[in-house]
PDB file of N, CA and C in Angstrom:
ATOM      1  N   MET A   1       0.752  -1.161   0.006  1.00  0.00           N
ATOM      2  CA  MET A   1       0.049  -0.114   0.059  1.00  0.00           C
ATOM      3  C   MET A   1       0.861   1.254  -0.022  1.00  0.00           C
ATOM      4  N   ASN A   2       0.521   2.197  -0.670  1.00  0.00           N
ATOM      5  CA  ASN A   2       0.998   3.519  -0.536  1.00  0.00           C
ATOM      6  C   ASN A   2       1.071   4.332   0.516  1.00  0.00           C
ATOM      7  N   SER A   3       2.012   5.283   0.686  1.00  0.00           N
ATOM      8  CA  SER A   3       1.951   5.885   1.954  1.00  0.00           C
ATOM      9  C   SER A   3       1.159   7.181   1.769  1.00  0.00           C
ATOM     10  N   PHE A   4       0.515   7.680   2.791  1.00  0.00           N
ATOM     11  CA  PHE A   4      -0.491   8.650   2.580  1.00  0.00           C
ATOM     12  C   PHE A   4      -0.236   9.736   3.757  1.00  0.00           C
ATOM     13  N   ASN A   5       0.498  10.833   3.295  1.00  0.00           N
ATOM     14  CA  ASN A   5       0.895  11.899   4.286  1.00  0.00           C
ATOM     15  C   ASN A   5      -0.044  12.982   4.327  1.00  0.00           C
ATOM     16  N   ILE A   6      -0.178  13.733   5.414  1.00  0.00           N
ATOM     17  CA  ILE A   6      -1.205  14.743   5.645  1.00  0.00           C
ATOM     18  C   ILE A   6      -0.499  15.986   5.988  1.00  0.00           C
ATOM     19  N   LEU A   7      -0.657  17.027   5.416  1.00  0.00           N
ATOM     20  CA  LEU A   7      -0.061  18.273   5.856  1.00  0.00           C
ATOM     21  C   LEU A   7      -1.042  19.276   6.389  1.00  0.00           C
ATOM     22  N   PHE A   8      -0.745  19.691   7.634  1.00  0.00           N
ATOM     23  CA  PHE A   8      -1.715  20.699   8.333  1.00  0.00           C
ATOM     24  C   PHE A   8      -0.885  22.067   8.438  1.00  0.00           C
ATOM     25  N   THR A   9      -1.444  22.931   7.679  1.00  0.00           N
ATOM     26  CA  THR A   9      -0.726  24.290   7.760  1.00  0.00           C
ATOM     27  C   THR A   9      -1.444  24.954   8.826  1.00  0.00           C
ATOM     28  N   SER A  10      -0.610  25.960   9.561  1.00  0.00           N
ATOM     29  CA  SER A  10      -1.005  26.901  10.655  1.00  0.00           C
ATOM     30  C   SER A  10      -1.751  25.861  11.825  1.00  0.00           C
ATOM     31  N   ALA A  11      -0.955  24.841  12.026  1.00  0.00           N
ATOM     32  CA  ALA A  11      -1.457  23.879  13.002  1.00  0.00           C
ATOM     33  C   ALA A  11      -1.709  24.530  14.417  1.00  0.00           C
ATOM     34  N   GLY A  12      -0.996  25.220  14.778  1.00  0.00           N
ATOM     35  CA  GLY A  12      -1.083  25.849  16.137  1.00  0.00           C
ATOM     36  C   GLY A  12      -1.478  24.906  17.216  1.00  0.00           C
ATOM     37  N   ARG A  13      -2.835  24.882  17.799  1.00  0.00           N
ATOM     38  CA  ARG A  13      -3.106  24.205  19.041  1.00  0.00           C
ATOM     39  C   ARG A  13      -4.020  23.035  18.738  1.00  0.00           C
ATOM     40  N   ARG A  14      -3.897  22.760  17.561  1.00  0.00           N
ATOM     41  CA  ARG A  14      -5.115  21.597  17.005  1.00  0.00           C
ATOM     42  C   ARG A  14      -4.449  20.207  17.191  1.00  0.00           C
ATOM     43  N   VAL A  15      -4.237  20.074  18.535  1.00  0.00           N
ATOM     44  CA  VAL A  15      -3.581  18.694  18.993  1.00  0.00           C
ATOM     45  C   VAL A  15      -4.608  17.622  18.906  1.00  0.00           C
ATOM     46  N   SER A  16      -5.843  17.819  19.389  1.00  0.00           N
ATOM     47  CA  SER A  16      -6.740  16.835  19.150  1.00  0.00           C
ATOM     48  C   SER A  16      -7.082  16.420  17.824  1.00  0.00           C
ATOM     49  N   LEU A  17      -7.116  17.385  16.834  1.00  0.00           N
ATOM     50  CA  LEU A  17      -7.305  16.967  15.483  1.00  0.00           C
ATOM     51  C   LEU A  17      -6.282  15.967  15.080  1.00  0.00           C
ATOM     52  N   LEU A  18      -5.186  16.515  15.311  1.00  0.00           N
ATOM     53  CA  LEU A  18      -3.779  15.761  14.786  1.00  0.00           C
ATOM     54  C   LEU A  18      -3.962  14.369  15.441  1.00  0.00           C
ATOM     55  N   ARG A  19      -4.193  14.226  16.524  1.00  0.00           N
ATOM     56  CA  ARG A  19      -4.199  12.865  17.181  1.00  0.00           C
ATOM     57  C   ARG A  19      -5.361  12.014  16.507  1.00  0.00           C
ATOM     58  N   SER A  20      -6.467  12.539  16.199  1.00  0.00           N
ATOM     59  CA  SER A  20      -7.801  11.860  15.621  1.00  0.00           C
ATOM     60  C   SER A  20      -6.969  11.279  14.202  1.00  0.00           C
ATOM     61  N   PHE A  21      -6.428  12.307  13.459  1.00  0.00           N
ATOM     62  CA  PHE A  21      -5.873  11.768  12.062  1.00  0.00           C
ATOM     63  C   PHE A  21      -4.943  10.584  12.372  1.00  0.00           C
ATOM     64  N   LYS A  22      -4.088  10.635  13.224  1.00  0.00           N
ATOM     65  CA  LYS A  22      -3.039   9.621  13.347  1.00  0.00           C
ATOM     66  C   LYS A  22      -3.766   8.492  13.861  1.00  0.00           C
ATOM     67  N   GLU A  23      -4.654   8.360  15.000  1.00  0.00           N
ATOM     68  CA  GLU A  23      -5.383   7.467  15.363  1.00  0.00           C
ATOM     69  C   GLU A  23      -6.271   6.623  13.867  1.00  0.00           C
ATOM     70  N   SER A  24      -6.647   7.525  13.093  1.00  0.00           N
ATOM     71  CA  SER A  24      -7.474   7.094  11.998  1.00  0.00           C
ATOM     72  C   SER A  24      -6.578   6.199  10.939  1.00  0.00           C
ATOM     73  N   LEU A  25      -5.367   6.955  10.731  1.00  0.00           N
ATOM     74  CA  LEU A  25      -4.332   6.319   9.779  1.00  0.00           C
ATOM     75  C   LEU A  25      -4.262   4.930  10.231  1.00  0.00           C
ATOM     76  N   LYS A  26      -3.907   4.929  11.545  1.00  0.00           N
ATOM     77  CA  LYS A  26      -3.346   3.514  12.275  1.00  0.00           C
ATOM     78  C   LYS A  26      -4.476   2.479  12.339  1.00  0.00           C
ATOM     79  N   ALA A  27      -5.786   2.991  12.561  1.00  0.00           N
ATOM     80  CA  ALA A  27      -6.990   2.130  12.631  1.00  0.00           C
ATOM     81  C   ALA A  27      -7.347   1.602  11.143  1.00  0.00           C
ATOM     82  N   LEU A  28      -6.885   2.218  10.118  1.00  0.00           N
ATOM     83  CA  LEU A  28      -7.438   1.926   8.798  1.00  0.00           C
ATOM     84  C   LEU A  28      -6.327   1.186   8.240  1.00  0.00           C
ATOM     85  N   GLY A  29      -5.042   1.053   8.963  1.00  0.00           N
ATOM     86  CA  GLY A  29      -4.029   0.239   8.227  1.00  0.00           C
ATOM     87  C   GLY A  29      -3.287   1.022   7.195  1.00  0.00           C
ATOM     88  N   ILE A  30      -3.327   2.335   7.366  1.00  0.00           N
ATOM     89  CA  ILE A  30      -2.856   3.248   6.131  1.00  0.00           C
ATOM     90  C   ILE A  30      -1.482   3.781   6.671  1.00  0.00           C
ATOM     91  N   ARG A  31      -0.307   3.582   5.961  1.00  0.00           N
ATOM     92  CA  ARG A  31       0.771   4.027   6.173  1.00  0.00           C
ATOM     93  C   ARG A  31       0.957   5.447   6.033  1.00  0.00           C
ATOM     94  N   GLY A  32       1.447   6.548   6.754  1.00  0.00           N
ATOM     95  CA  GLY A  32       1.599   7.758   6.647  1.00  0.00           C
ATOM     96  C   GLY A  32       2.165   8.485   7.395  1.00  0.00           C
ATOM     97  N   LYS A  33       2.322   9.781   7.335  1.00  0.00           N
ATOM     98  CA  LYS A  33       2.914  10.751   8.349  1.00  0.00           C
ATOM     99  C   LYS A  33       2.108  12.056   8.351  1.00  0.00           C
ATOM    100  N   ILE A  34       2.025  12.655   9.375  1.00  0.00           N
ATOM    101  CA  ILE A  34       1.320  13.821   9.769  1.00  0.00           C
ATOM    102  C   ILE A  34       2.423  14.942   9.755  1.00  0.00           C
ATOM    103  N   VAL A  35       2.258  15.805   9.109  1.00  0.00           N
ATOM    104  CA  VAL A  35       3.157  17.005   8.937  1.00  0.00           C
ATOM    105  C   VAL A  35       2.436  18.210   9.334  1.00  0.00           C
ATOM    106  N   THR A  36       3.318  19.108  10.032  1.00  0.00           N
ATOM    107  CA  THR A  36       2.796  20.294  10.388  1.00  0.00           C
ATOM    108  C   THR A  36       3.575  21.455   9.856  1.00  0.00           C
ATOM    109  N   ALA A  37       3.120  22.534   9.381  1.00  0.00           N
ATOM    110  CA  ALA A  37       3.846  23.618   9.086  1.00  0.00           C
ATOM    111  C   ALA A  37       3.216  24.867   9.651  1.00  0.00           C
ATOM    112  N   ASP A  38       3.987  25.645  10.448  1.00  0.00           N
ATOM    113  CA  ASP A  38       3.490  26.641  11.283  1.00  0.00           C
ATOM    114  C   ASP A  38       4.594  27.825  11.450  1.00  0.00           C
ATOM    115  N   LEU A  39       4.018  29.101  11.572  1.00  0.00           N
ATOM    116  CA  LEU A  39       4.992  30.161  11.837  1.00  0.00           C
ATOM    117  C   LEU A  39       5.804  29.735  12.999  1.00  0.00           C
ATOM    118  N   ASN A  40       5.159  29.340  14.018  1.00  0.00           N
ATOM    119  CA  ASN A  40       5.987  28.975  15.302  1.00  0.00           C
ATOM    120  C   ASN A  40       6.376  27.613  15.280  1.00  0.00           C
ATOM    121  N   LYS A  41       7.451  27.346  15.210  1.00  0.00           N
ATOM    122  CA  LYS A  41       8.147  25.798  15.275  1.00  0.00           C
ATOM    123  C   LYS A  41       7.795  25.248  16.766  1.00  0.00           C
ATOM    124  N   SER A  42       7.249  25.848  17.728  1.00  0.00           N
ATOM    125  CA  SER A  42       7.029  25.236  19.001  1.00  0.00           C
ATOM    126  C   SER A  42       5.496  25.367  19.216  1.00  0.00           C
ATOM    127  N   ALA A  43       4.879  25.434  18.148  1.00  0.00           N
ATOM    128  CA  ALA A  43       3.399  25.452  18.434  1.00  0.00           C
ATOM    129  C   ALA A  43       2.877  23.965  18.870  1.00  0.00           C
ATOM    130  N   PRO A  44       2.142  23.800  19.826  1.00  0.00           N
ATOM    131  CA  PRO A  44       1.731  22.596  20.377  1.00  0.00           C
ATOM    132  C   PRO A  44       1.509  21.321  19.576  1.00  0.00           C
ATOM    133  N   ALA A  45       0.582  21.663  18.548  1.00  0.00           N
ATOM    134  CA  ALA A  45       0.318  20.776  17.479  1.00  0.00           C
ATOM    135  C   ALA A  45       1.615  20.029  16.963  1.00  0.00           C
ATOM    136  N   SER A  46       2.698  20.993  16.579  1.00  0.00           N
ATOM    137  CA  SER A  46       3.724  20.430  15.918  1.00  0.00           C
ATOM    138  C   SER A  46       4.611  18.962  16.796  1.00  0.00           C
ATOM    139  N   PHE A  47       4.254  19.124  18.016  1.00  0.00           N
ATOM    140  CA  PHE A  47       4.982  18.111  18.853  1.00  0.00           C
ATOM    141  C   PHE A  47       4.201  16.752  18.764  1.00  0.00           C
ATOM    142  N   VAL A  48       2.998  16.900  18.282  1.00  0.00           N
ATOM    143  CA  VAL A  48       2.181  15.570  17.890  1.00  0.00           C
ATOM    144  C   VAL A  48       2.544  15.058  16.635  1.00  0.00           C
ATOM    145  N   ALA A  49       2.966  15.821  15.697  1.00  0.00           N
ATOM    146  CA  ALA A  49       3.065  15.537  14.363  1.00  0.00           C
ATOM    147  C   ALA A  49       4.348  14.683  14.078  1.00  0.00           C
ATOM    148  N   ASP A  50       4.211  13.926  13.099  1.00  0.00           N
ATOM    149  CA  ASP A  50       5.700  13.143  12.957  1.00  0.00           C
ATOM    150  C   ASP A  50       6.868  13.940  12.440  1.00  0.00           C
ATOM    151  N   ILE A  51       6.365  15.027  11.503  1.00  0.00           N
ATOM    152  CA  ILE A  51       7.280  15.924  10.960  1.00  0.00           C
ATOM    153  C   ILE A  51       6.827  17.350  11.283  1.00  0.00           C
ATOM    154  N   ARG A  52       7.824  18.465  11.670  1.00  0.00           N
ATOM    155  CA  ARG A  52       7.220  19.643  11.751  1.00  0.00           C
ATOM    156  C   ARG A  52       8.230  20.704  10.930  1.00  0.00           C
ATOM    157  N   GLU A  53       7.706  21.521  10.217  1.00  0.00           N
ATOM    158  CA  GLU A  53       8.234  22.471   9.598  1.00  0.00           C
ATOM    159  C   GLU A  53       7.962  23.928   9.924  1.00  0.00           C
ATOM    160  N   SER A  54       8.761  24.879   9.721  1.00  0.00           N
ATOM    161  CA  SER A  54       8.405  26.296   9.910  1.00  0.00           C
ATOM    162  C   SER A  54       7.924  26.849   8.536  1.00  0.00           C
ATOM    163  N   ALA A  55       7.202  27.916   8.688  1.00  0.00           N
ATOM    164  CA  ALA A  55       6.334  28.300   7.515  1.00  0.00           C
ATOM    165  C   ALA A  55       6.266  29.790   7.685  1.00  0.00           C
ATOM    166  N   PRO A  56       6.448  30.641   6.379  1.00  0.00           N
ATOM    167  CA  PRO A  56       6.316  32.289   6.688  1.00  0.00           C
ATOM    168  C   PRO A  56       4.824  32.524   7.163  1.00  0.00           C
ATOM    169  N   PRO A  57       4.633  33.679   7.509  1.00  0.00           N
ATOM    170  CA  PRO A  57       3.197  34.029   7.804  1.00  0.00           C
ATOM    171  C   PRO A  57       2.301  34.046   6.609  1.00  0.00           C
ATOM    172  N   VAL A  58       1.019  33.857   6.661  1.00  0.00           N
ATOM    173  CA  VAL A  58       0.147  33.596   5.732  1.00  0.00           C
ATOM    174  C   VAL A  58       0.080  34.698   4.783  1.00  0.00           C
ATOM    175  N   LEU A  59       0.106  35.997   5.236  1.00  0.00           N
ATOM    176  CA  LEU A  59       0.087  37.108   4.594  1.00  0.00           C
ATOM    177  C   LEU A  59       1.474  37.399   3.793  1.00  0.00           C
ATOM    178  N   TYR A  60       2.474  36.615   3.990  1.00  0.00           N
ATOM    179  CA  TYR A  60       3.743  36.804   3.330  1.00  0.00           C
ATOM    180  C   TYR A  60       3.791  36.684   1.735  1.00  0.00           C
ATOM    181  N   PRO A  61       4.222  37.553   0.905  1.00  0.00           N
ATOM    182  CA  PRO A  61       4.085  37.431  -0.467  1.00  0.00           C
ATOM    183  C   PRO A  61       4.590  36.210  -0.989  1.00  0.00           C
ATOM    184  N   GLY A  62       5.345  35.477  -0.343  1.00  0.00           N
ATOM    185  CA  GLY A  62       5.904  34.112  -0.940  1.00  0.00           C
ATOM    186  C   GLY A  62       5.367  32.998  -0.363  1.00  0.00           C
ATOM    187  N   TYR A  63       4.152  33.136   0.437  1.00  0.00           N
ATOM    188  CA  TYR A  63       3.398  32.022   1.039  1.00  0.00           C
ATOM    189  C   TYR A  63       2.746  31.121  -0.287  1.00  0.00           C
ATOM    190  N   ILE A  64       2.679  30.002  -0.143  1.00  0.00           N
ATOM    191  CA  ILE A  64       2.164  29.288  -1.226  1.00  0.00           C
ATOM    192  C   ILE A  64       0.514  29.431  -1.171  1.00  0.00           C
TER     193      ILE A  64
END
């Protein structure tokens, strides 16, 4: 089975949401990682994620 990664931008304090997604991936037997991208690399949700990245502010001209 292929891997199914999920990206959460502006993850902030959405710890419960990320935990639910991780549990669902596991319960369904789907391999994948939870990735967060947030302005603050120490955002609480980033510690629940498998991979955490920093991202520029949403209003930054180079933001995707």
